Amino acid sequence: MALGDQIIVGDFLKVLDLIGTFVFAISGAVAGVKHRIDLFGVLVLSFVAATAGGIARDILIGAVPPAAIQDWRYLASSLAAGLITFYWHPLIAKIKSPVQFFDAVGLGLFTVTGASKALAFHLGPGAAMLMGMLTGIGGGVARDLLVSKVPVVFTAEL
């Protein structure tokens, strides 16, 4: 792959990662509003849901400091999503199961970007799959634990 192609792929993955950050932040904010947490708590939940999986992945693969801490766009994206959700929750609540909807979108995006970043750091395919999984579910697990709930990923859908 030529250098120009690598830059385009890298930029594309960064855009997917930021979109994933935004949608996972919405899932965290929705959970916060649902649990009647104040604005500060909602913003914390939106940041945690959006970045915990990627931070854990980055630390494990040696990409330090983690992108979510190093790049201001991750914080801005998660805080914007948290504010939008806090103030316009009735609109978002019209979506059937909004936490699950935004989790599904974020999971798809973060699994791809997490595995891609692991491969870029020369991990093998198995490790890349695990890093993709961690990136995808880490934020949701952290979000659910902060609101004293069994993580959704550990429950059977009835």
N, C-alpha and C. Protein backbone atom coordinates (compact mmCIF):
# COMPACT_ATOMS: atom_id res chain seq x y z
N MET A 1 0.86 -1.17 0.00
CA MET A 1 0.00 0.00 0.00
C MET A 1 0.90 1.24 0.00
N ALA A 2 0.60 2.15 -0.86
CA ALA A 2 1.38 3.38 -0.98
C ALA A 2 1.12 4.29 0.21
N LEU A 3 2.05 5.20 0.46
CA LEU A 3 1.93 6.11 1.60
C LEU A 3 0.65 6.93 1.53
N GLY A 4 0.28 7.43 0.35
CA GLY A 4 -0.95 8.20 0.19
C GLY A 4 -2.18 7.38 0.54
N ASP A 5 -2.18 6.10 0.15
CA ASP A 5 -3.29 5.22 0.49
C ASP A 5 -3.36 4.99 1.99
N GLN A 6 -2.19 4.85 2.64
CA GLN A 6 -2.17 4.65 4.09
C GLN A 6 -2.72 5.86 4.82
N ILE A 7 -2.41 7.05 4.33
CA ILE A 7 -2.92 8.27 4.95
C ILE A 7 -4.43 8.34 4.81
N ILE A 8 -4.94 8.01 3.63
CA ILE A 8 -6.39 8.04 3.40
C ILE A 8 -7.09 7.03 4.30
N VAL A 9 -6.54 5.81 4.39
CA VAL A 9 -7.13 4.78 5.25
C VAL A 9 -7.07 5.24 6.71
N GLY A 10 -5.93 5.82 7.13
CA GLY A 10 -5.80 6.31 8.49
C GLY A 10 -6.79 7.40 8.81
N ASP A 11 -6.97 8.34 7.88
CA ASP A 11 -7.94 9.42 8.08
C ASP A 11 -9.37 8.87 8.13
N PHE A 12 -9.67 7.90 7.27
CA PHE A 12 -10.99 7.28 7.25
C PHE A 12 -11.27 6.58 8.58
N LEU A 13 -10.29 5.84 9.09
CA LEU A 13 -10.47 5.16 10.37
C LEU A 13 -10.63 6.16 11.51
N LYS A 14 -9.93 7.30 11.44
CA LYS A 14 -10.06 8.34 12.47
C LYS A 14 -11.48 8.91 12.46
N VAL A 15 -12.03 9.12 11.27
CA VAL A 15 -13.40 9.62 11.16
C VAL A 15 -14.38 8.59 11.74
N LEU A 16 -14.19 7.31 11.41
CA LEU A 16 -15.05 6.26 11.97
C LEU A 16 -14.94 6.23 13.49
N ASP A 17 -13.72 6.41 14.00
CA ASP A 17 -13.50 6.39 15.44
C ASP A 17 -14.20 7.56 16.12
N LEU A 18 -14.17 8.73 15.51
CA LEU A 18 -14.84 9.89 16.09
C LEU A 18 -16.36 9.77 16.01
N ILE A 19 -16.86 9.18 14.93
CA ILE A 19 -18.30 8.93 14.85
C ILE A 19 -18.70 7.92 15.92
N GLY A 20 -17.90 6.87 16.07
CA GLY A 20 -18.16 5.89 17.13
C GLY A 20 -18.13 6.52 18.51
N THR A 21 -17.21 7.42 18.72
CA THR A 21 -17.12 8.14 19.99
C THR A 21 -18.41 8.92 20.25
N PHE A 22 -18.90 9.60 19.23
CA PHE A 22 -20.12 10.39 19.38
C PHE A 22 -21.32 9.50 19.70
N VAL A 23 -21.49 8.40 18.97
CA VAL A 23 -22.68 7.58 19.21
C VAL A 23 -22.60 6.82 20.53
N PHE A 24 -21.40 6.36 20.91
CA PHE A 24 -21.27 5.72 22.21
C PHE A 24 -21.49 6.73 23.34
N ALA A 25 -21.08 7.97 23.13
CA ALA A 25 -21.32 9.01 24.12
C ALA A 25 -22.82 9.24 24.31
N ILE A 26 -23.57 9.16 23.21
CA ILE A 26 -25.03 9.28 23.33
C ILE A 26 -25.57 8.15 24.19
N SER A 27 -25.09 6.92 23.99
CA SER A 27 -25.59 5.79 24.79
C SER A 27 -25.29 6.02 26.27
N GLY A 28 -24.10 6.55 26.57
CA GLY A 28 -23.77 6.84 27.96
C GLY A 28 -24.65 7.94 28.53
N ALA A 29 -24.88 8.97 27.75
CA ALA A 29 -25.71 10.09 28.20
C ALA A 29 -27.17 9.65 28.40
N VAL A 30 -27.67 8.82 27.49
CA VAL A 30 -29.05 8.32 27.64
C VAL A 30 -29.18 7.51 28.93
N ALA A 31 -28.19 6.68 29.21
CA ALA A 31 -28.22 5.90 30.45
C ALA A 31 -28.21 6.84 31.66
N GLY A 32 -27.42 7.90 31.59
CA GLY A 32 -27.36 8.86 32.69
C GLY A 32 -28.68 9.58 32.90
N VAL A 33 -29.28 10.05 31.83
CA VAL A 33 -30.57 10.73 31.93
C VAL A 33 -31.63 9.77 32.46
N LYS A 34 -31.60 8.54 31.96
CA LYS A 34 -32.56 7.52 32.39
C LYS A 34 -32.45 7.26 33.90
N HIS A 35 -31.24 7.35 34.44
CA HIS A 35 -31.02 7.13 35.87
C HIS A 35 -31.10 8.43 36.68
N ARG A 36 -31.58 9.50 36.04
CA ARG A 36 -31.81 10.79 36.68
C ARG A 36 -30.54 11.38 37.29
N ILE A 37 -29.44 11.26 36.55
CA ILE A 37 -28.16 11.81 36.97
C ILE A 37 -28.09 13.26 36.48
N ASP A 38 -27.40 14.11 37.22
CA ASP A 38 -27.31 15.52 36.84
C ASP A 38 -26.42 15.69 35.60
N LEU A 39 -26.34 16.94 35.12
CA LEU A 39 -25.61 17.22 33.88
C LEU A 39 -24.15 16.77 33.96
N PHE A 40 -23.47 17.09 35.07
CA PHE A 40 -22.07 16.68 35.19
C PHE A 40 -21.94 15.16 35.10
N GLY A 41 -22.80 14.44 35.78
CA GLY A 41 -22.77 12.98 35.74
C GLY A 41 -23.04 12.44 34.34
N VAL A 42 -23.97 13.06 33.65
CA VAL A 42 -24.28 12.66 32.27
C VAL A 42 -23.06 12.86 31.37
N LEU A 43 -22.37 13.99 31.55
CA LEU A 43 -21.17 14.25 30.74
C LEU A 43 -20.05 13.26 31.07
N VAL A 44 -19.91 12.91 32.33
CA VAL A 44 -18.91 11.90 32.71
C VAL A 44 -19.27 10.56 32.07
N LEU A 45 -20.53 10.17 32.18
CA LEU A 45 -20.96 8.90 31.57
C LEU A 45 -20.78 8.92 30.06
N SER A 46 -21.05 10.04 29.43
CA SER A 46 -20.89 10.09 27.98
C SER A 46 -19.42 9.92 27.61
N PHE A 47 -18.51 10.55 28.35
CA PHE A 47 -17.08 10.41 28.07
C PHE A 47 -16.59 8.99 28.35
N VAL A 48 -17.01 8.42 29.46
CA VAL A 48 -16.59 7.06 29.82
C VAL A 48 -17.09 6.05 28.79
N ALA A 49 -18.36 6.14 28.45
CA ALA A 49 -18.92 5.19 27.47
C ALA A 49 -18.23 5.32 26.12
N ALA A 50 -17.86 6.53 25.78
CA ALA A 50 -17.26 6.78 24.47
C ALA A 50 -15.79 6.41 24.39
N THR A 51 -15.08 6.41 25.52
CA THR A 51 -13.63 6.29 25.44
C THR A 51 -12.99 5.16 26.24
N ALA A 52 -13.69 4.56 27.18
CA ALA A 52 -13.05 3.58 28.06
C ALA A 52 -12.48 2.39 27.29
N GLY A 53 -13.20 1.87 26.33
CA GLY A 53 -12.70 0.74 25.56
C GLY A 53 -11.45 1.08 24.77
N GLY A 54 -11.46 2.24 24.13
CA GLY A 54 -10.30 2.67 23.35
C GLY A 54 -9.09 2.99 24.22
N ILE A 55 -9.34 3.56 25.40
CA ILE A 55 -8.23 3.85 26.31
C ILE A 55 -7.60 2.54 26.78
N ALA A 56 -8.43 1.57 27.16
CA ALA A 56 -7.91 0.27 27.59
C ALA A 56 -7.11 -0.39 26.46
N ARG A 57 -7.64 -0.35 25.24
CA ARG A 57 -6.94 -0.92 24.08
C ARG A 57 -5.60 -0.23 23.87
N ASP A 58 -5.60 1.09 23.87
CA ASP A 58 -4.37 1.84 23.61
C ASP A 58 -3.30 1.52 24.66
N ILE A 59 -3.70 1.43 25.91
CA ILE A 59 -2.73 1.11 26.96
C ILE A 59 -2.17 -0.29 26.73
N LEU A 60 -3.02 -1.24 26.40
CA LEU A 60 -2.56 -2.62 26.20
C LEU A 60 -1.63 -2.78 25.00
N ILE A 61 -1.86 -2.00 23.94
CA ILE A 61 -1.00 -2.15 22.76
C ILE A 61 0.19 -1.21 22.77
N GLY A 62 0.28 -0.36 23.78
CA GLY A 62 1.41 0.55 23.90
C GLY A 62 1.26 1.86 23.16
N ALA A 63 0.05 2.22 22.80
CA ALA A 63 -0.21 3.51 22.15
C ALA A 63 -0.52 4.54 23.22
N VAL A 64 0.55 5.02 23.87
CA VAL A 64 0.37 5.94 24.98
C VAL A 64 0.98 7.29 24.66
N PRO A 65 0.39 8.38 25.10
CA PRO A 65 -0.90 8.42 25.79
C PRO A 65 -2.03 8.02 24.85
N PRO A 66 -3.10 7.46 25.40
CA PRO A 66 -4.22 7.03 24.56
C PRO A 66 -4.78 8.17 23.72
N ALA A 67 -5.25 7.82 22.54
CA ALA A 67 -5.78 8.82 21.60
C ALA A 67 -6.89 9.65 22.23
N ALA A 68 -7.75 9.04 23.04
CA ALA A 68 -8.87 9.76 23.64
C ALA A 68 -8.43 10.82 24.62
N ILE A 69 -7.22 10.72 25.12
CA ILE A 69 -6.69 11.73 26.03
C ILE A 69 -5.82 12.72 25.28
N GLN A 70 -5.13 12.25 24.27
CA GLN A 70 -4.19 13.07 23.51
C GLN A 70 -4.87 14.01 22.53
N ASP A 71 -5.98 13.58 21.93
CA ASP A 71 -6.65 14.33 20.86
C ASP A 71 -7.92 14.98 21.42
N TRP A 72 -7.98 16.30 21.41
CA TRP A 72 -9.11 17.04 21.98
C TRP A 72 -10.44 16.70 21.34
N ARG A 73 -10.44 16.17 20.12
CA ARG A 73 -11.70 15.89 19.42
C ARG A 73 -12.51 14.80 20.10
N TYR A 74 -11.86 13.88 20.79
CA TYR A 74 -12.59 12.83 21.51
C TYR A 74 -13.39 13.42 22.67
N LEU A 75 -12.76 14.28 23.44
CA LEU A 75 -13.46 14.93 24.54
C LEU A 75 -14.58 15.82 24.01
N ALA A 76 -14.29 16.61 22.98
CA ALA A 76 -15.30 17.51 22.41
C ALA A 76 -16.49 16.72 21.87
N SER A 77 -16.21 15.64 21.19
CA SER A 77 -17.28 14.82 20.61
C SER A 77 -18.16 14.21 21.69
N SER A 78 -17.53 13.67 22.73
CA SER A 78 -18.33 13.05 23.79
C SER A 78 -19.11 14.08 24.60
N LEU A 79 -18.50 15.25 24.86
CA LEU A 79 -19.23 16.28 25.59
C LEU A 79 -20.38 16.87 24.77
N ALA A 80 -20.17 17.04 23.47
CA ALA A 80 -21.25 17.52 22.60
C ALA A 80 -22.41 16.54 22.60
N ALA A 81 -22.10 15.26 22.48
CA ALA A 81 -23.15 14.23 22.49
C ALA A 81 -23.88 14.23 23.83
N GLY A 82 -23.13 14.39 24.92
CA GLY A 82 -23.75 14.42 26.25
C GLY A 82 -24.67 15.61 26.42
N LEU A 83 -24.24 16.79 25.97
CA LEU A 83 -25.08 17.99 26.08
C LEU A 83 -26.33 17.87 25.22
N ILE A 84 -26.16 17.41 24.00
CA ILE A 84 -27.31 17.22 23.10
C ILE A 84 -28.31 16.27 23.73
N THR A 85 -27.82 15.16 24.26
CA THR A 85 -28.71 14.16 24.85
C THR A 85 -29.38 14.70 26.11
N PHE A 86 -28.65 15.40 26.94
CA PHE A 86 -29.22 15.92 28.18
C PHE A 86 -30.35 16.91 27.91
N TYR A 87 -30.13 17.80 26.96
CA TYR A 87 -31.13 18.84 26.71
C TYR A 87 -32.22 18.42 25.74
N TRP A 88 -31.97 17.45 24.88
CA TRP A 88 -32.98 17.01 23.92
C TRP A 88 -33.31 15.53 24.08
N HIS A 89 -33.28 15.08 25.32
CA HIS A 89 -33.55 13.67 25.59
C HIS A 89 -34.91 13.20 25.06
N PRO A 90 -35.98 14.00 25.16
CA PRO A 90 -37.27 13.52 24.65
C PRO A 90 -37.22 13.11 23.17
N LEU A 91 -36.43 13.81 22.36
CA LEU A 91 -36.31 13.43 20.94
C LEU A 91 -35.57 12.11 20.79
N ILE A 92 -34.50 11.94 21.53
CA ILE A 92 -33.71 10.71 21.44
C ILE A 92 -34.49 9.54 22.02
N ALA A 93 -35.29 9.80 23.05
CA ALA A 93 -36.07 8.74 23.69
C ALA A 93 -37.15 8.17 22.76
N LYS A 94 -37.46 8.87 21.68
CA LYS A 94 -38.45 8.36 20.72
C LYS A 94 -37.93 7.15 19.95
N ILE A 95 -36.60 6.98 19.92
CA ILE A 95 -36.01 5.80 19.28
C ILE A 95 -36.28 4.62 20.19
N LYS A 96 -36.70 3.51 19.61
CA LYS A 96 -36.95 2.31 20.41
C LYS A 96 -35.63 1.80 20.97
N SER A 97 -35.53 1.66 22.27
CA SER A 97 -34.31 1.21 22.96
C SER A 97 -33.09 2.01 22.53
N PRO A 98 -33.05 3.31 22.86
CA PRO A 98 -31.95 4.15 22.37
C PRO A 98 -30.56 3.71 22.82
N VAL A 99 -30.43 3.20 24.05
CA VAL A 99 -29.11 2.75 24.50
C VAL A 99 -28.64 1.59 23.63
N GLN A 100 -29.51 0.63 23.38
CA GLN A 100 -29.13 -0.51 22.55
C GLN A 100 -28.87 -0.10 21.11
N PHE A 101 -29.65 0.83 20.59
CA PHE A 101 -29.44 1.29 19.21
C PHE A 101 -28.06 1.94 19.06
N PHE A 102 -27.75 2.89 19.95
CA PHE A 102 -26.47 3.58 19.84
C PHE A 102 -25.31 2.65 20.21
N ASP A 103 -25.54 1.70 21.11
CA ASP A 103 -24.52 0.69 21.40
C ASP A 103 -24.20 -0.14 20.15
N ALA A 104 -25.22 -0.52 19.43
CA ALA A 104 -25.01 -1.35 18.23
C ALA A 104 -24.20 -0.60 17.17
N VAL A 105 -24.54 0.67 16.96
CA VAL A 105 -23.80 1.47 15.98
C VAL A 105 -22.35 1.65 16.43
N GLY A 106 -22.17 2.01 17.68
CA GLY A 106 -20.82 2.20 18.21
C GLY A 106 -20.01 0.92 18.22
N LEU A 107 -20.66 -0.19 18.55
CA LEU A 107 -19.97 -1.48 18.57
C LEU A 107 -19.42 -1.83 17.19
N GLY A 108 -20.23 -1.63 16.18
CA GLY A 108 -19.76 -1.91 14.82
C GLY A 108 -18.58 -1.04 14.43
N LEU A 109 -18.67 0.24 14.72
CA LEU A 109 -17.58 1.15 14.37
C LEU A 109 -16.32 0.88 15.17
N PHE A 110 -16.47 0.72 16.48
CA PHE A 110 -15.30 0.55 17.34
C PHE A 110 -14.62 -0.80 17.16
N THR A 111 -15.37 -1.83 16.82
CA THR A 111 -14.74 -3.13 16.59
C THR A 111 -13.80 -3.05 15.39
N VAL A 112 -14.25 -2.38 14.34
CA VAL A 112 -13.42 -2.22 13.14
C VAL A 112 -12.20 -1.36 13.44
N THR A 113 -12.41 -0.21 14.06
CA THR A 113 -11.28 0.69 14.30
C THR A 113 -10.32 0.11 15.34
N GLY A 114 -10.85 -0.58 16.34
CA GLY A 114 -9.99 -1.18 17.37
C GLY A 114 -9.11 -2.27 16.80
N ALA A 115 -9.69 -3.14 15.98
CA ALA A 115 -8.90 -4.21 15.35
C ALA A 115 -7.89 -3.61 14.37
N SER A 116 -8.28 -2.60 13.64
CA SER A 116 -7.37 -1.96 12.69
C SER A 116 -6.18 -1.32 13.40
N LYS A 117 -6.43 -0.67 14.52
CA LYS A 117 -5.33 -0.04 15.26
C LYS A 117 -4.39 -1.11 15.82
N ALA A 118 -4.95 -2.21 16.30
CA ALA A 118 -4.12 -3.30 16.80
C ALA A 118 -3.24 -3.87 15.69
N LEU A 119 -3.79 -4.03 14.51
CA LEU A 119 -3.00 -4.52 13.37
C LEU A 119 -1.91 -3.51 13.00
N ALA A 120 -2.23 -2.23 13.07
CA ALA A 120 -1.23 -1.20 12.78
C ALA A 120 -0.07 -1.24 13.78
N PHE A 121 -0.33 -1.74 14.99
CA PHE A 121 0.71 -1.89 16.00
C PHE A 121 1.33 -3.29 15.97
N HIS A 122 1.11 -3.98 14.86
CA HIS A 122 1.75 -5.27 14.55
C HIS A 122 1.33 -6.41 15.46
N LEU A 123 0.10 -6.37 15.97
CA LEU A 123 -0.43 -7.50 16.69
C LEU A 123 -0.95 -8.51 15.68
N GLY A 124 -0.99 -9.77 16.06
CA GLY A 124 -1.50 -10.81 15.17
C GLY A 124 -3.01 -10.73 15.06
N PRO A 125 -3.58 -11.55 14.16
CA PRO A 125 -5.03 -11.52 13.94
C PRO A 125 -5.85 -11.83 15.19
N GLY A 126 -5.43 -12.80 15.98
CA GLY A 126 -6.18 -13.15 17.19
C GLY A 126 -6.19 -12.01 18.20
N ALA A 127 -5.02 -11.42 18.41
CA ALA A 127 -4.93 -10.29 19.34
C ALA A 127 -5.72 -9.09 18.80
N ALA A 128 -5.68 -8.89 17.49
CA ALA A 128 -6.44 -7.79 16.89
C ALA A 128 -7.94 -7.98 17.10
N MET A 129 -8.40 -9.22 16.99
CA MET A 129 -9.83 -9.48 17.24
C MET A 129 -10.18 -9.16 18.69
N LEU A 130 -9.31 -9.56 19.61
CA LEU A 130 -9.56 -9.27 21.02
C LEU A 130 -9.55 -7.77 21.30
N MET A 131 -8.62 -7.06 20.68
CA MET A 131 -8.56 -5.61 20.87
C MET A 131 -9.78 -4.93 20.25
N GLY A 132 -10.26 -5.45 19.12
CA GLY A 132 -11.49 -4.94 18.53
C GLY A 132 -12.67 -5.14 19.46
N MET A 133 -12.73 -6.33 20.07
CA MET A 133 -13.82 -6.64 21.00
C MET A 133 -13.74 -5.73 22.22
N LEU A 134 -12.54 -5.58 22.78
CA LEU A 134 -12.37 -4.71 23.95
C LEU A 134 -12.76 -3.27 23.64
N THR A 135 -12.34 -2.79 22.48
CA THR A 135 -12.68 -1.42 22.09
C THR A 135 -14.20 -1.27 21.97
N GLY A 136 -14.84 -2.30 21.42
CA GLY A 136 -16.29 -2.23 21.20
C GLY A 136 -17.12 -2.31 22.46
N ILE A 137 -16.71 -3.16 23.41
CA ILE A 137 -17.57 -3.36 24.59
C ILE A 137 -17.09 -2.65 25.85
N GLY A 138 -15.85 -2.18 25.86
CA GLY A 138 -15.27 -1.60 27.07
C GLY A 138 -16.04 -0.42 27.63
N GLY A 139 -16.44 0.50 26.77
CA GLY A 139 -17.15 1.69 27.24
C GLY A 139 -18.53 1.36 27.79
N GLY A 140 -19.23 0.45 27.12
CA GLY A 140 -20.57 0.06 27.60
C GLY A 140 -20.51 -0.64 28.94
N VAL A 141 -19.49 -1.49 29.13
CA VAL A 141 -19.32 -2.17 30.41
C VAL A 141 -19.05 -1.13 31.50
N ALA A 142 -18.14 -0.19 31.24
CA ALA A 142 -17.84 0.85 32.23
C ALA A 142 -19.07 1.70 32.53
N ARG A 143 -19.82 2.07 31.49
CA ARG A 143 -21.04 2.86 31.67
C ARG A 143 -22.02 2.13 32.58
N ASP A 144 -22.27 0.86 32.29
CA ASP A 144 -23.25 0.10 33.08
C ASP A 144 -22.80 -0.07 34.52
N LEU A 145 -21.51 -0.30 34.74
CA LEU A 145 -21.01 -0.43 36.10
C LEU A 145 -21.17 0.88 36.88
N LEU A 146 -20.97 2.02 36.22
CA LEU A 146 -21.11 3.31 36.90
C LEU A 146 -22.55 3.61 37.31
N VAL A 147 -23.52 3.03 36.61
CA VAL A 147 -24.92 3.23 37.01
C VAL A 147 -25.46 2.01 37.77
N SER A 148 -24.52 1.20 38.30
CA SER A 148 -24.86 0.04 39.15
C SER A 148 -25.78 -0.95 38.44
N LYS A 149 -25.42 -1.29 37.22
CA LYS A 149 -26.23 -2.19 36.41
C LYS A 149 -25.32 -3.31 35.91
N VAL A 150 -25.87 -4.52 35.77
CA VAL A 150 -25.11 -5.59 35.16
C VAL A 150 -24.87 -5.19 33.70
N PRO A 151 -23.62 -5.23 33.23
CA PRO A 151 -23.35 -4.82 31.85
C PRO A 151 -24.23 -5.56 30.84
N VAL A 152 -24.79 -4.79 29.91
CA VAL A 152 -25.70 -5.33 28.91
C VAL A 152 -25.08 -6.50 28.17
N VAL A 153 -23.78 -6.44 27.90
CA VAL A 153 -23.11 -7.48 27.15
C VAL A 153 -23.11 -8.81 27.90
N PHE A 154 -23.32 -8.79 29.22
CA PHE A 154 -23.34 -10.01 30.02
C PHE A 154 -24.74 -10.55 30.27
N THR A 155 -25.75 -9.94 29.71
CA THR A 155 -27.12 -10.39 29.96
C THR A 155 -27.72 -11.01 28.71
N ALA A 156 -28.59 -11.97 28.93
CA ALA A 156 -29.29 -12.62 27.83
C ALA A 156 -30.50 -11.78 27.48
N GLU A 157 -30.74 -11.63 26.20
CA GLU A 157 -31.93 -10.89 25.75
C GLU A 157 -33.11 -11.84 25.78
N LEU A 158 -34.16 -11.45 26.48
CA LEU A 158 -35.34 -12.30 26.60
C LEU A 158 -36.44 -11.86 25.69
